[in-house]
Amino acid sequence: MLSNGHIAYGLGLTALFEVLLTVAVPRWRRPALIATTTAVSVLAVLGWQYVLRATHAAQFFTDLPFRPFPISWQDTGSGVATLAFTGLALAYGPMRRQPAPEAATLALAAGLVALLVDIYLY
């Protein structure tokens, strides 16, 4: 299980890279999108970490024994939770008047960022 400090470190990295993602793509460079994507991503990862902690799911932290992509169920859950919650927040929030594929694309990118940060940075 991850300590609270380790989780906080991961959340900080997730927030940083979500901001970098939204600032890097010109069409996503709007304050409402940056704030929504970053806040919901951090909350989704935090929620997933505490679900794992509450259920004592130590086996979820076992990495795939493939050095280039050592993914675990814990990493996958962070990405999936971020994709789902960010997609909902964007679709019912700042992107509600945009075509669904635009909100889905940003949510997918946010989920991928959360997954990659989880796999490689903590």
PDB file of N, CA and C in Angstrom:
ATOM      1  N   MET A   1       0.827  -1.189   0.000  1.00  0.00           N
ATOM      2  CA  MET A   1       0.000   0.000   0.000  1.00  0.00           C
ATOM      3  C   MET A   1       0.872   1.252   0.000  1.00  0.00           C
ATOM      4  N   LEU A   2       0.384   2.260  -0.631  1.00  0.00           N
ATOM      5  CA  LEU A   2       1.113   3.525  -0.689  1.00  0.00           C
ATOM      6  C   LEU A   2       0.843   4.349   0.562  1.00  0.00           C
ATOM      7  N   SER A   3       1.862   5.046   1.022  1.00  0.00           N
ATOM      8  CA  SER A   3       1.691   5.934   2.172  1.00  0.00           C
ATOM      9  C   SER A   3       0.971   7.211   1.724  1.00  0.00           C
ATOM     10  N   ASN A   4       0.479   7.970   2.692  1.00  0.00           N
ATOM     11  CA  ASN A   4      -0.177   9.236   2.362  1.00  0.00           C
ATOM     12  C   ASN A   4       0.781  10.185   1.648  1.00  0.00           C
ATOM     13  N   GLY A   5       2.026  10.209   2.060  1.00  0.00           N
ATOM     14  CA  GLY A   5       3.021  11.052   1.410  1.00  0.00           C
ATOM     15  C   GLY A   5       3.263  10.646  -0.035  1.00  0.00           C
ATOM     16  N   HIS A   6       3.327   9.353  -0.261  1.00  0.00           N
ATOM     17  CA  HIS A   6       3.531   8.829  -1.611  1.00  0.00           C
ATOM     18  C   HIS A   6       2.329   9.188  -2.495  1.00  0.00           C
ATOM     19  N   ILE A   7       1.139   9.056  -1.946  1.00  0.00           N
ATOM     20  CA  ILE A   7      -0.077   9.411  -2.690  1.00  0.00           C
ATOM     21  C   ILE A   7      -0.081  10.904  -2.998  1.00  0.00           C
ATOM     22  N   ALA A   8       0.267  11.734  -2.025  1.00  0.00           N
ATOM     23  CA  ALA A   8       0.311  13.186  -2.236  1.00  0.00           C
ATOM     24  C   ALA A   8       1.316  13.556  -3.327  1.00  0.00           C
ATOM     25  N   TYR A   9       2.474  12.896  -3.314  1.00  0.00           N
ATOM     26  CA  TYR A   9       3.488  13.111  -4.347  1.00  0.00           C
ATOM     27  C   TYR A   9       2.924  12.769  -5.726  1.00  0.00           C
ATOM     28  N   GLY A  10       2.267  11.627  -5.833  1.00  0.00           N
ATOM     29  CA  GLY A  10       1.663  11.206  -7.099  1.00  0.00           C
ATOM     30  C   GLY A  10       0.574  12.159  -7.561  1.00  0.00           C
ATOM     31  N   LEU A  11      -0.212  12.659  -6.616  1.00  0.00           N
ATOM     32  CA  LEU A  11      -1.265  13.614  -6.973  1.00  0.00           C
ATOM     33  C   LEU A  11      -0.671  14.914  -7.490  1.00  0.00           C
ATOM     34  N   GLY A  12       0.417  15.354  -6.879  1.00  0.00           N
ATOM     35  CA  GLY A  12       1.088  16.562  -7.351  1.00  0.00           C
ATOM     36  C   GLY A  12       1.627  16.407  -8.764  1.00  0.00           C
ATOM     37  N   LEU A  13       2.233  15.252  -9.028  1.00  0.00           N
ATOM     38  CA  LEU A  13       2.734  14.980 -10.376  1.00  0.00           C
ATOM     39  C   LEU A  13       1.590  14.895 -11.378  1.00  0.00           C
ATOM     40  N   THR A  14       0.500  14.258 -10.979  1.00  0.00           N
ATOM     41  CA  THR A  14      -0.663  14.158 -11.863  1.00  0.00           C
ATOM     42  C   THR A  14      -1.189  15.548 -12.197  1.00  0.00           C
ATOM     43  N   ALA A  15      -1.325  16.392 -11.192  1.00  0.00           N
ATOM     44  CA  ALA A  15      -1.808  17.756 -11.415  1.00  0.00           C
ATOM     45  C   ALA A  15      -0.877  18.516 -12.361  1.00  0.00           C
ATOM     46  N   LEU A  16       0.413  18.416 -12.120  1.00  0.00           N
ATOM     47  CA  LEU A  16       1.388  19.108 -12.956  1.00  0.00           C
ATOM     48  C   LEU A  16       1.261  18.687 -14.420  1.00  0.00           C
ATOM     49  N   PHE A  17       1.220  17.392 -14.666  1.00  0.00           N
ATOM     50  CA  PHE A  17       1.175  16.908 -16.042  1.00  0.00           C
ATOM     51  C   PHE A  17      -0.188  17.130 -16.701  1.00  0.00           C
ATOM     52  N   GLU A  18      -1.249  17.166 -15.919  1.00  0.00           N
ATOM     53  CA  GLU A  18      -2.559  17.512 -16.495  1.00  0.00           C
ATOM     54  C   GLU A  18      -2.569  18.969 -16.932  1.00  0.00           C
ATOM     55  N   VAL A  19      -1.978  19.856 -16.143  1.00  0.00           N
ATOM     56  CA  VAL A  19      -1.886  21.264 -16.537  1.00  0.00           C
ATOM     57  C   VAL A  19      -1.032  21.393 -17.795  1.00  0.00           C
ATOM     58  N   LEU A  20       0.101  20.711 -17.825  1.00  0.00           N
ATOM     59  CA  LEU A  20       0.965  20.764 -19.009  1.00  0.00           C
ATOM     60  C   LEU A  20       0.237  20.258 -20.249  1.00  0.00           C
ATOM     61  N   LEU A  21      -0.552  19.201 -20.094  1.00  0.00           N
ATOM     62  CA  LEU A  21      -1.321  18.657 -21.216  1.00  0.00           C
ATOM     63  C   LEU A  21      -2.286  19.699 -21.766  1.00  0.00           C
ATOM     64  N   THR A  22      -3.077  20.290 -20.894  1.00  0.00           N
ATOM     65  CA  THR A  22      -4.104  21.217 -21.371  1.00  0.00           C
ATOM     66  C   THR A  22      -3.509  22.523 -21.903  1.00  0.00           C
ATOM     67  N   VAL A  23      -2.380  22.929 -21.377  1.00  0.00           N
ATOM     68  CA  VAL A  23      -1.731  24.141 -21.873  1.00  0.00           C
ATOM     69  C   VAL A  23      -1.031  23.873 -23.207  1.00  0.00           C
ATOM     70  N   ALA A  24      -0.558  22.655 -23.415  1.00  0.00           N
ATOM     71  CA  ALA A  24       0.175  22.315 -24.634  1.00  0.00           C
ATOM     72  C   ALA A  24      -0.714  22.263 -25.872  1.00  0.00           C
ATOM     73  N   VAL A  25      -1.989  21.954 -25.699  1.00  0.00           N
ATOM     74  CA  VAL A  25      -2.901  21.846 -26.843  1.00  0.00           C
ATOM     75  C   VAL A  25      -3.721  23.143 -26.926  1.00  0.00           C
ATOM     76  N   PRO A  26      -3.530  23.923 -27.988  1.00  0.00           N
ATOM     77  CA  PRO A  26      -4.180  25.238 -28.060  1.00  0.00           C
ATOM     78  C   PRO A  26      -5.698  25.231 -27.851  1.00  0.00           C
ATOM     79  N   ARG A  27      -6.404  24.263 -28.391  1.00  0.00           N
ATOM     80  CA  ARG A  27      -7.869  24.272 -28.241  1.00  0.00           C
ATOM     81  C   ARG A  27      -8.318  23.934 -26.824  1.00  0.00           C
ATOM     82  N   TRP A  28      -7.428  23.384 -26.002  1.00  0.00           N
ATOM     83  CA  TRP A  28      -7.751  23.071 -24.605  1.00  0.00           C
ATOM     84  C   TRP A  28      -7.227  24.141 -23.652  1.00  0.00           C
ATOM     85  N   ARG A  29      -6.600  25.157 -24.178  1.00  0.00           N
ATOM     86  CA  ARG A  29      -5.953  26.183 -23.366  1.00  0.00           C
ATOM     87  C   ARG A  29      -6.969  27.227 -22.898  1.00  0.00           C
ATOM     88  N   ARG A  30      -7.949  26.765 -22.153  1.00  0.00           N
ATOM     89  CA  ARG A  30      -8.966  27.646 -21.569  1.00  0.00           C
ATOM     90  C   ARG A  30      -8.984  27.395 -20.071  1.00  0.00           C
ATOM     91  N   PRO A  31      -9.089  28.435 -19.269  1.00  0.00           N
ATOM     92  CA  PRO A  31      -9.043  28.264 -17.810  1.00  0.00           C
ATOM     93  C   PRO A  31     -10.034  27.236 -17.268  1.00  0.00           C
ATOM     94  N   ALA A  32     -11.248  27.205 -17.804  1.00  0.00           N
ATOM     95  CA  ALA A  32     -12.247  26.254 -17.305  1.00  0.00           C
ATOM     96  C   ALA A  32     -11.838  24.814 -17.603  1.00  0.00           C
ATOM     97  N   LEU A  33     -11.253  24.581 -18.764  1.00  0.00           N
ATOM     98  CA  LEU A  33     -10.813  23.223 -19.113  1.00  0.00           C
ATOM     99  C   LEU A  33      -9.597  22.812 -18.295  1.00  0.00           C
ATOM    100  N   ILE A  34      -8.673  23.740 -18.111  1.00  0.00           N
ATOM    101  CA  ILE A  34      -7.483  23.433 -17.309  1.00  0.00           C
ATOM    102  C   ILE A  34      -7.890  23.104 -15.882  1.00  0.00           C
ATOM    103  N   ALA A  35      -8.729  23.932 -15.299  1.00  0.00           N
ATOM    104  CA  ALA A  35      -9.146  23.720 -13.904  1.00  0.00           C
ATOM    105  C   ALA A  35      -9.959  22.440 -13.744  1.00  0.00           C
ATOM    106  N   THR A  36     -10.908  22.215 -14.636  1.00  0.00           N
ATOM    107  CA  THR A  36     -11.754  21.022 -14.528  1.00  0.00           C
ATOM    108  C   THR A  36     -10.944  19.750 -14.714  1.00  0.00           C
ATOM    109  N   THR A  37     -10.143  19.713 -15.761  1.00  0.00           N
ATOM    110  CA  THR A  37      -9.349  18.516 -16.043  1.00  0.00           C
ATOM    111  C   THR A  37      -8.385  18.210 -14.898  1.00  0.00           C
ATOM    112  N   THR A  38      -7.713  19.220 -14.410  1.00  0.00           N
ATOM    113  CA  THR A  38      -6.743  19.006 -13.337  1.00  0.00           C
ATOM    114  C   THR A  38      -7.417  18.586 -12.041  1.00  0.00           C
ATOM    115  N   ALA A  39      -8.437  19.308 -11.624  1.00  0.00           N
ATOM    116  CA  ALA A  39      -9.106  19.003 -10.350  1.00  0.00           C
ATOM    117  C   ALA A  39      -9.764  17.630 -10.365  1.00  0.00           C
ATOM    118  N   VAL A  40     -10.478  17.315 -11.432  1.00  0.00           N
ATOM    119  CA  VAL A  40     -11.173  16.030 -11.479  1.00  0.00           C
ATOM    120  C   VAL A  40     -10.177  14.880 -11.594  1.00  0.00           C
ATOM    121  N   SER A  41      -9.109  15.059 -12.334  1.00  0.00           N
ATOM    122  CA  SER A  41      -8.090  14.008 -12.439  1.00  0.00           C
ATOM    123  C   SER A  41      -7.472  13.700 -11.082  1.00  0.00           C
ATOM    124  N   VAL A  42      -7.123  14.743 -10.356  1.00  0.00           N
ATOM    125  CA  VAL A  42      -6.531  14.555  -9.029  1.00  0.00           C
ATOM    126  C   VAL A  42      -7.524  13.855  -8.094  1.00  0.00           C
ATOM    127  N   LEU A  43      -8.775  14.286  -8.115  1.00  0.00           N
ATOM    128  CA  LEU A  43      -9.778  13.659  -7.249  1.00  0.00           C
ATOM    129  C   LEU A  43     -10.051  12.206  -7.646  1.00  0.00           C
ATOM    130  N   ALA A  44     -10.030  11.914  -8.942  1.00  0.00           N
ATOM    131  CA  ALA A  44     -10.254  10.542  -9.399  1.00  0.00           C
ATOM    132  C   ALA A  44      -9.122   9.620  -8.942  1.00  0.00           C
ATOM    133  N   VAL A  45      -7.892  10.069  -9.102  1.00  0.00           N
ATOM    134  CA  VAL A  45      -6.741   9.253  -8.665  1.00  0.00           C
ATOM    135  C   VAL A  45      -6.766   9.092  -7.143  1.00  0.00           C
ATOM    136  N   LEU A  46      -7.046  10.165  -6.435  1.00  0.00           N
ATOM    137  CA  LEU A  46      -7.133  10.082  -4.972  1.00  0.00           C
ATOM    138  C   LEU A  46      -8.216   9.097  -4.541  1.00  0.00           C
ATOM    139  N   GLY A  47      -9.371   9.205  -5.159  1.00  0.00           N
ATOM    140  CA  GLY A  47     -10.453   8.275  -4.838  1.00  0.00           C
ATOM    141  C   GLY A  47     -10.072   6.828  -5.081  1.00  0.00           C
ATOM    142  N   TRP A  48      -9.430   6.559  -6.208  1.00  0.00           N
ATOM    143  CA  TRP A  48      -9.017   5.189  -6.523  1.00  0.00           C
ATOM    144  C   TRP A  48      -7.997   4.685  -5.509  1.00  0.00           C
ATOM    145  N   GLN A  49      -7.043   5.532  -5.123  1.00  0.00           N
ATOM    146  CA  GLN A  49      -6.045   5.107  -4.148  1.00  0.00           C
ATOM    147  C   GLN A  49      -6.694   4.744  -2.811  1.00  0.00           C
ATOM    148  N   TYR A  50      -7.684   5.523  -2.402  1.00  0.00           N
ATOM    149  CA  TYR A  50      -8.343   5.237  -1.123  1.00  0.00           C
ATOM    150  C   TYR A  50      -9.307   4.063  -1.204  1.00  0.00           C
ATOM    151  N   VAL A  51      -9.842   3.777  -2.381  1.00  0.00           N
ATOM    152  CA  VAL A  51     -10.617   2.542  -2.552  1.00  0.00           C
ATOM    153  C   VAL A  51      -9.694   1.346  -2.356  1.00  0.00           C
ATOM    154  N   LEU A  52      -8.525   1.392  -2.956  1.00  0.00           N
ATOM    155  CA  LEU A  52      -7.558   0.301  -2.795  1.00  0.00           C
ATOM    156  C   LEU A  52      -7.133   0.147  -1.339  1.00  0.00           C
ATOM    157  N   ARG A  53      -6.924   1.262  -0.679  1.00  0.00           N
ATOM    158  CA  ARG A  53      -6.534   1.216   0.730  1.00  0.00           C
ATOM    159  C   ARG A  53      -7.663   0.645   1.597  1.00  0.00           C
ATOM    160  N   ALA A  54      -8.890   1.101   1.357  1.00  0.00           N
ATOM    161  CA  ALA A  54     -10.028   0.655   2.177  1.00  0.00           C
ATOM    162  C   ALA A  54     -10.325  -0.836   2.000  1.00  0.00           C
ATOM    163  N   THR A  55     -10.029  -1.359   0.825  1.00  0.00           N
ATOM    164  CA  THR A  55     -10.314  -2.774   0.553  1.00  0.00           C
ATOM    165  C   THR A  55      -9.096  -3.670   0.771  1.00  0.00           C
ATOM    166  N   HIS A  56      -7.981  -3.090   1.213  1.00  0.00           N
ATOM    167  CA  HIS A  56      -6.750  -3.855   1.471  1.00  0.00           C
ATOM    168  C   HIS A  56      -6.331  -4.652   0.231  1.00  0.00           C
ATOM    169  N   ALA A  57      -6.345  -3.990  -0.917  1.00  0.00           N
ATOM    170  CA  ALA A  57      -6.093  -4.655  -2.199  1.00  0.00           C
ATOM    171  C   ALA A  57      -4.612  -4.635  -2.570  1.00  0.00           C
ATOM    172  N   ALA A  58      -3.799  -5.294  -1.786  1.00  0.00           N
ATOM    173  CA  ALA A  58      -2.348  -5.289  -2.015  1.00  0.00           C
ATOM    174  C   ALA A  58      -1.958  -5.929  -3.342  1.00  0.00           C
ATOM    175  N   GLN A  59      -2.728  -6.895  -3.814  1.00  0.00           N
ATOM    176  CA  GLN A  59      -2.392  -7.566  -5.069  1.00  0.00           C
ATOM    177  C   GLN A  59      -2.511  -6.642  -6.280  1.00  0.00           C
ATOM    178  N   PHE A  60      -3.231  -5.561  -6.154  1.00  0.00           N
ATOM    179  CA  PHE A  60      -3.388  -4.624  -7.263  1.00  0.00           C
ATOM    180  C   PHE A  60      -2.093  -3.881  -7.575  1.00  0.00           C
ATOM    181  N   PHE A  61      -1.114  -3.955  -6.688  1.00  0.00           N
ATOM    182  CA  PHE A  61       0.136  -3.225  -6.865  1.00  0.00           C
ATOM    183  C   PHE A  61       1.220  -4.069  -7.536  1.00  0.00           C
ATOM    184  N   THR A  62       0.881  -5.250  -8.026  1.00  0.00           N
ATOM    185  CA  THR A  62       1.844  -6.125  -8.679  1.00  0.00           C
ATOM    186  C   THR A  62       2.005  -5.699 -10.132  1.00  0.00           C
ATOM    187  N   ASP A  63       3.222  -5.312 -10.494  1.00  0.00           N
ATOM    188  CA  ASP A  63       3.489  -4.841 -11.855  1.00  0.00           C
ATOM    189  C   ASP A  63       3.652  -6.001 -12.833  1.00  0.00           C
ATOM    190  N   LEU A  64       3.278  -5.744 -14.077  1.00  0.00           N
ATOM    191  CA  LEU A  64       3.522  -6.678 -15.166  1.00  0.00           C
ATOM    192  C   LEU A  64       5.039  -6.805 -15.317  1.00  0.00           C
ATOM    193  N   PRO A  65       5.574  -8.015 -15.385  1.00  0.00           N
ATOM    194  CA  PRO A  65       7.035  -8.167 -15.478  1.00  0.00           C
ATOM    195  C   PRO A  65       7.552  -7.893 -16.898  1.00  0.00           C
ATOM    196  N   PHE A  66       7.273  -6.709 -17.411  1.00  0.00           N
ATOM    197  CA  PHE A  66       7.714  -6.283 -18.738  1.00  0.00           C
ATOM    198  C   PHE A  66       8.292  -4.889 -18.556  1.00  0.00           C
ATOM    199  N   ARG A  67       9.609  -4.808 -18.496  1.00  0.00           N
ATOM    200  CA  ARG A  67      10.301  -3.571 -18.123  1.00  0.00           C
ATOM    201  C   ARG A  67       9.863  -2.317 -18.885  1.00  0.00           C
ATOM    202  N   PRO A  68       9.647  -2.374 -20.193  1.00  0.00           N
ATOM    203  CA  PRO A  68       9.255  -1.144 -20.887  1.00  0.00           C
ATOM    204  C   PRO A  68       7.874  -0.613 -20.482  1.00  0.00           C
ATOM    205  N   PHE A  69       6.988  -1.485 -20.012  1.00  0.00           N
ATOM    206  CA  PHE A  69       5.635  -1.051 -19.653  1.00  0.00           C
ATOM    207  C   PHE A  69       5.157  -1.845 -18.437  1.00  0.00           C
ATOM    208  N   PRO A  70       5.694  -1.518 -17.245  1.00  0.00           N
ATOM    209  CA  PRO A  70       5.383  -2.293 -16.033  1.00  0.00           C
ATOM    210  C   PRO A  70       4.049  -1.898 -15.383  1.00  0.00           C
ATOM    211  N   ILE A  71       2.969  -2.083 -16.091  1.00  0.00           N
ATOM    212  CA  ILE A  71       1.643  -1.657 -15.628  1.00  0.00           C
ATOM    213  C   ILE A  71       1.089  -2.617 -14.570  1.00  0.00           C
ATOM    214  N   SER A  72       0.303  -2.088 -13.667  1.00  0.00           N
ATOM    215  CA  SER A  72      -0.388  -2.911 -12.664  1.00  0.00           C
ATOM    216  C   SER A  72      -1.868  -2.547 -12.690  1.00  0.00           C
ATOM    217  N   TRP A  73      -2.677  -3.321 -11.955  1.00  0.00           N
ATOM    218  CA  TRP A  73      -4.102  -3.003 -11.855  1.00  0.00           C
ATOM    219  C   TRP A  73      -4.309  -1.673 -11.149  1.00  0.00           C
ATOM    220  N   GLN A  74      -3.432  -1.352 -10.225  1.00  0.00           N
ATOM    221  CA  GLN A  74      -3.513  -0.077  -9.521  1.00  0.00           C
ATOM    222  C   GLN A  74      -3.320   1.065 -10.509  1.00  0.00           C
ATOM    223  N   ASP A  75      -2.340   0.956 -11.407  1.00  0.00           N
ATOM    224  CA  ASP A  75      -2.099   1.971 -12.426  1.00  0.00           C
ATOM    225  C   ASP A  75      -3.300   2.087 -13.361  1.00  0.00           C
ATOM    226  N   THR A  76      -3.802   0.948 -13.784  1.00  0.00           N
ATOM    227  CA  THR A  76      -4.942   0.915 -14.703  1.00  0.00           C
ATOM    228  C   THR A  76      -6.155   1.600 -14.091  1.00  0.00           C
ATOM    229  N   GLY A  77      -6.413   1.329 -12.828  1.00  0.00           N
ATOM    230  CA  GLY A  77      -7.547   1.947 -12.148  1.00  0.00           C
ATOM    231  C   GLY A  77      -7.445   3.458 -12.105  1.00  0.00           C
ATOM    232  N   SER A  78      -6.244   3.978 -11.910  1.00  0.00           N
ATOM    233  CA  SER A  78      -6.059   5.435 -11.915  1.00  0.00           C
ATOM    234  C   SER A  78      -6.435   6.021 -13.269  1.00  0.00           C
ATOM    235  N   GLY A  79      -5.982   5.379 -14.330  1.00  0.00           N
ATOM    236  CA  GLY A  79      -6.297   5.866 -15.673  1.00  0.00           C
ATOM    237  C   GLY A  79      -7.770   5.758 -16.007  1.00  0.00           C
ATOM    238  N   VAL A  80      -8.385   4.633 -15.658  1.00  0.00           N
ATOM    239  CA  VAL A  80      -9.805   4.427 -15.961  1.00  0.00           C
ATOM    240  C   VAL A  80     -10.689   5.375 -15.150  1.00  0.00           C
ATOM    241  N   ALA A  81     -10.384   5.530 -13.863  1.00  0.00           N
ATOM    242  CA  ALA A  81     -11.168   6.448 -13.032  1.00  0.00           C
ATOM    243  C   ALA A  81     -11.047   7.877 -13.554  1.00  0.00           C
ATOM    244  N   THR A  82      -9.847   8.269 -13.947  1.00  0.00           N
ATOM    245  CA  THR A  82      -9.651   9.613 -14.489  1.00  0.00           C
ATOM    246  C   THR A  82     -10.413   9.801 -15.793  1.00  0.00           C
ATOM    247  N   LEU A  83     -10.348   8.824 -16.676  1.00  0.00           N
ATOM    248  CA  LEU A  83     -11.096   8.895 -17.933  1.00  0.00           C
ATOM    249  C   LEU A  83     -12.589   9.061 -17.663  1.00  0.00           C
ATOM    250  N   ALA A  84     -13.144   8.227 -16.801  1.00  0.00           N
ATOM    251  CA  ALA A  84     -14.580   8.247 -16.546  1.00  0.00           C
ATOM    252  C   ALA A  84     -15.042   9.550 -15.900  1.00  0.00           C
ATOM    253  N   PHE A  85     -14.392   9.935 -14.821  1.00  0.00           N
ATOM    254  CA  PHE A  85     -14.845  11.118 -14.102  1.00  0.00           C
ATOM    255  C   PHE A  85     -14.552  12.423 -14.850  1.00  0.00           C
ATOM    256  N   THR A  86     -13.424  12.474 -15.537  1.00  0.00           N
ATOM    257  CA  THR A  86     -13.115  13.667 -16.316  1.00  0.00           C
ATOM    258  C   THR A  86     -14.079  13.794 -17.495  1.00  0.00           C
ATOM    259  N   GLY A  87     -14.387  12.675 -18.128  1.00  0.00           N
ATOM    260  CA  GLY A  87     -15.352  12.701 -19.225  1.00  0.00           C
ATOM    261  C   GLY A  87     -16.705  13.230 -18.779  1.00  0.00           C
ATOM    262  N   LEU A  88     -17.177  12.755 -17.636  1.00  0.00           N
ATOM    263  CA  LEU A  88     -18.460  13.241 -17.111  1.00  0.00           C
ATOM    264  C   LEU A  88     -18.394  14.720 -16.748  1.00  0.00           C
ATOM    265  N   ALA A  89     -17.339  15.112 -16.072  1.00  0.00           N
ATOM    266  CA  ALA A  89     -17.217  16.512 -15.651  1.00  0.00           C
ATOM    267  C   ALA A  89     -17.138  17.453 -16.847  1.00  0.00           C
ATOM    268  N   LEU A  90     -16.409  17.064 -17.873  1.00  0.00           N
ATOM    269  CA  LEU A  90     -16.296  17.914 -19.056  1.00  0.00           C
ATOM    270  C   LEU A  90     -17.598  17.959 -19.847  1.00  0.00           C
ATOM    271  N   ALA A  91     -18.231  16.792 -20.012  1.00  0.00           N
ATOM    272  CA  ALA A  91     -19.454  16.711 -20.807  1.00  0.00           C
ATOM    273  C   ALA A  91     -20.619  17.466 -20.176  1.00  0.00           C
ATOM    274  N   TYR A  92     -20.657  17.504 -18.855  1.00  0.00           N
ATOM    275  CA  TYR A  92     -21.732  18.217 -18.166  1.00  0.00           C
ATOM    276  C   TYR A  92     -21.285  19.590 -17.668  1.00  0.00           C
ATOM    277  N   GLY A  93     -20.027  19.915 -17.906  1.00  0.00           N
ATOM    278  CA  GLY A  93     -19.476  21.186 -17.441  1.00  0.00           C
ATOM    279  C   GLY A  93     -19.051  22.066 -18.597  1.00  0.00           C
ATOM    280  N   PRO A  94     -17.761  22.404 -18.650  1.00  0.00           N
ATOM    281  CA  PRO A  94     -17.305  23.414 -19.604  1.00  0.00           C
ATOM    282  C   PRO A  94     -17.389  23.016 -21.080  1.00  0.00           C
ATOM    283  N   MET A  95     -17.549  21.735 -21.386  1.00  0.00           N
ATOM    284  CA  MET A  95     -17.632  21.320 -22.792  1.00  0.00           C
ATOM    285  C   MET A  95     -19.036  20.846 -23.167  1.00  0.00           C
ATOM    286  N   ARG A  96     -20.031  21.193 -22.390  1.00  0.00           N
ATOM    287  CA  ARG A  96     -21.389  20.692 -22.638  1.00  0.00           C
ATOM    288  C   ARG A  96     -21.961  21.137 -23.982  1.00  0.00           C
ATOM    289  N   ARG A  97     -21.478  22.219 -24.536  1.00  0.00           N
ATOM    290  CA  ARG A  97     -21.973  22.683 -25.830  1.00  0.00           C
ATOM    291  C   ARG A  97     -21.077  22.254 -26.992  1.00  0.00           C
ATOM    292  N   GLN A  98     -20.011  21.528 -26.685  1.00  0.00           N
ATOM    293  CA  GLN A  98     -19.092  21.034 -27.704  1.00  0.00           C
ATOM    294  C   GLN A  98     -19.540  19.640 -28.161  1.00  0.00           C
ATOM    295  N   PRO A  99     -19.113  19.223 -29.344  1.00  0.00           N
ATOM    296  CA  PRO A  99     -19.409  17.853 -29.774  1.00  0.00           C
ATOM    297  C   PRO A  99     -18.793  16.839 -28.793  1.00  0.00           C
ATOM    298  N   ALA A 100     -19.497  15.744 -28.582  1.00  0.00           N
ATOM    299  CA  ALA A 100     -19.047  14.724 -27.623  1.00  0.00           C
ATOM    300  C   ALA A 100     -17.624  14.233 -27.891  1.00  0.00           C
ATOM    301  N   PRO A 101     -17.212  14.025 -29.141  1.00  0.00           N
ATOM    302  CA  PRO A 101     -15.839  13.563 -29.357  1.00  0.00           C
ATOM    303  C   PRO A 101     -14.769  14.512 -28.825  1.00  0.00           C
ATOM    304  N   GLU A 102     -15.059  15.800 -28.772  1.00  0.00           N
ATOM    305  CA  GLU A 102     -14.067  16.737 -28.238  1.00  0.00           C
ATOM    306  C   GLU A 102     -13.874  16.539 -26.736  1.00  0.00           C
ATOM    307  N   ALA A 103     -14.969  16.385 -26.014  1.00  0.00           N
ATOM    308  CA  ALA A 103     -14.876  16.125 -24.567  1.00  0.00           C
ATOM    309  C   ALA A 103     -14.238  14.765 -24.319  1.00  0.00           C
ATOM    310  N   ALA A 104     -14.611  13.787 -25.133  1.00  0.00           N
ATOM    311  CA  ALA A 104     -14.058  12.439 -24.964  1.00  0.00           C
ATOM    312  C   ALA A 104     -12.555  12.415 -25.240  1.00  0.00           C
ATOM    313  N   THR A 105     -12.108  13.188 -26.207  1.00  0.00           N
ATOM    314  CA  THR A 105     -10.679  13.229 -26.532  1.00  0.00           C
ATOM    315  C   THR A 105      -9.868  13.816 -25.384  1.00  0.00           C
ATOM    316  N   LEU A 106     -10.355  14.901 -24.803  1.00  0.00           N
ATOM    317  CA  LEU A 106      -9.649  15.484 -23.657  1.00  0.00           C
ATOM    318  C   LEU A 106      -9.688  14.535 -22.461  1.00  0.00           C
ATOM    319  N   ALA A 107     -10.814  13.888 -22.227  1.00  0.00           N
ATOM    320  CA  ALA A 107     -10.913  12.934 -21.113  1.00  0.00           C
ATOM    321  C   ALA A 107      -9.963  11.760 -21.329  1.00  0.00           C
ATOM    322  N   LEU A 108      -9.875  11.270 -22.548  1.00  0.00           N
ATOM    323  CA  LEU A 108      -8.958  10.169 -22.856  1.00  0.00           C
ATOM    324  C   LEU A 108      -7.508  10.593 -22.638  1.00  0.00           C
ATOM    325  N   ALA A 109      -7.165  11.800 -23.080  1.00  0.00           N
ATOM    326  CA  ALA A 109      -5.803  12.305 -22.866  1.00  0.00           C
ATOM    327  C   ALA A 109      -5.508  12.446 -21.379  1.00  0.00           C
ATOM    328  N   ALA A 110      -6.477  12.934 -20.610  1.00  0.00           N
ATOM    329  CA  ALA A 110      -6.290  13.072 -19.156  1.00  0.00           C
ATOM    330  C   ALA A 110      -6.109  11.706 -18.505  1.00  0.00           C
ATOM    331  N   GLY A 111      -6.890  10.729 -18.928  1.00  0.00           N
ATOM    332  CA  GLY A 111      -6.749   9.373 -18.398  1.00  0.00           C
ATOM    333  C   GLY A 111      -5.395   8.771 -18.730  1.00  0.00           C
ATOM    334  N   LEU A 112      -4.924   9.022 -19.934  1.00  0.00           N
ATOM    335  CA  LEU A 112      -3.605   8.527 -20.339  1.00  0.00           C
ATOM    336  C   LEU A 112      -2.499   9.174 -19.518  1.00  0.00           C
ATOM    337  N   VAL A 113      -2.622  10.468 -19.257  1.00  0.00           N
ATOM    338  CA  VAL A 113      -1.636  11.155 -18.411  1.00  0.00           C
ATOM    339  C   VAL A 113      -1.616  10.530 -17.023  1.00  0.00           C
ATOM    340  N   ALA A 114      -2.797  10.329 -16.423  1.00  0.00           N
ATOM    341  CA  ALA A 114      -2.858   9.728 -15.080  1.00  0.00           C
ATOM    342  C   ALA A 114      -2.244   8.328 -15.079  1.00  0.00           C
ATOM    343  N   LEU A 115      -2.523   7.547 -16.107  1.00  0.00           N
ATOM    344  CA  LEU A 115      -1.962   6.198 -16.215  1.00  0.00           C
ATOM    345  C   LEU A 115      -0.446   6.242 -16.314  1.00  0.00           C
ATOM    346  N   LEU A 116       0.082   7.063 -17.200  1.00  0.00           N
ATOM    347  CA  LEU A 116       1.530   7.112 -17.405  1.00  0.00           C
ATOM    348  C   LEU A 116       2.264   7.676 -16.187  1.00  0.00           C
ATOM    349  N   VAL A 117       1.692   8.676 -15.539  1.00  0.00           N
ATOM    350  CA  VAL A 117       2.307   9.194 -14.318  1.00  0.00           C
ATOM    351  C   VAL A 117       2.341   8.094 -13.263  1.00  0.00           C
ATOM    352  N   ASP A 118       1.258   7.355 -13.136  1.00  0.00           N
ATOM    353  CA  ASP A 118       1.191   6.284 -12.155  1.00  0.00           C
ATOM    354  C   ASP A 118       2.191   5.169 -12.441  1.00  0.00           C
ATOM    355  N   ILE A 119       2.349   4.809 -13.706  1.00  0.00           N
ATOM    356  CA  ILE A 119       3.274   3.732 -14.077  1.00  0.00           C
ATOM    357  C   ILE A 119       4.730   4.147 -13.877  1.00  0.00           C
ATOM    358  N   TYR A 120       5.085   5.307 -14.378  1.00  0.00           N
ATOM    359  CA  TYR A 120       6.509   5.650 -14.476  1.00  0.00           C
ATOM    360  C   TYR A 120       7.051   6.601 -13.418  1.00  0.00           C
ATOM    361  N   LEU A 121       6.192   7.353 -12.732  1.00  0.00           N
ATOM    362  CA  LEU A 121       6.726   8.383 -11.843  1.00  0.00           C
ATOM    363  C   LEU A 121       6.507   8.154 -10.361  1.00  0.00           C
ATOM    364  N   TYR A 122       5.651   7.177  -9.987  1.00  0.00           N
ATOM    365  CA  TYR A 122       5.534   6.866  -8.555  1.00  0.00           C
ATOM    366  C   TYR A 122       4.984   5.498  -8.331  1.00  0.00           C
TER     367      TYR A 122
END
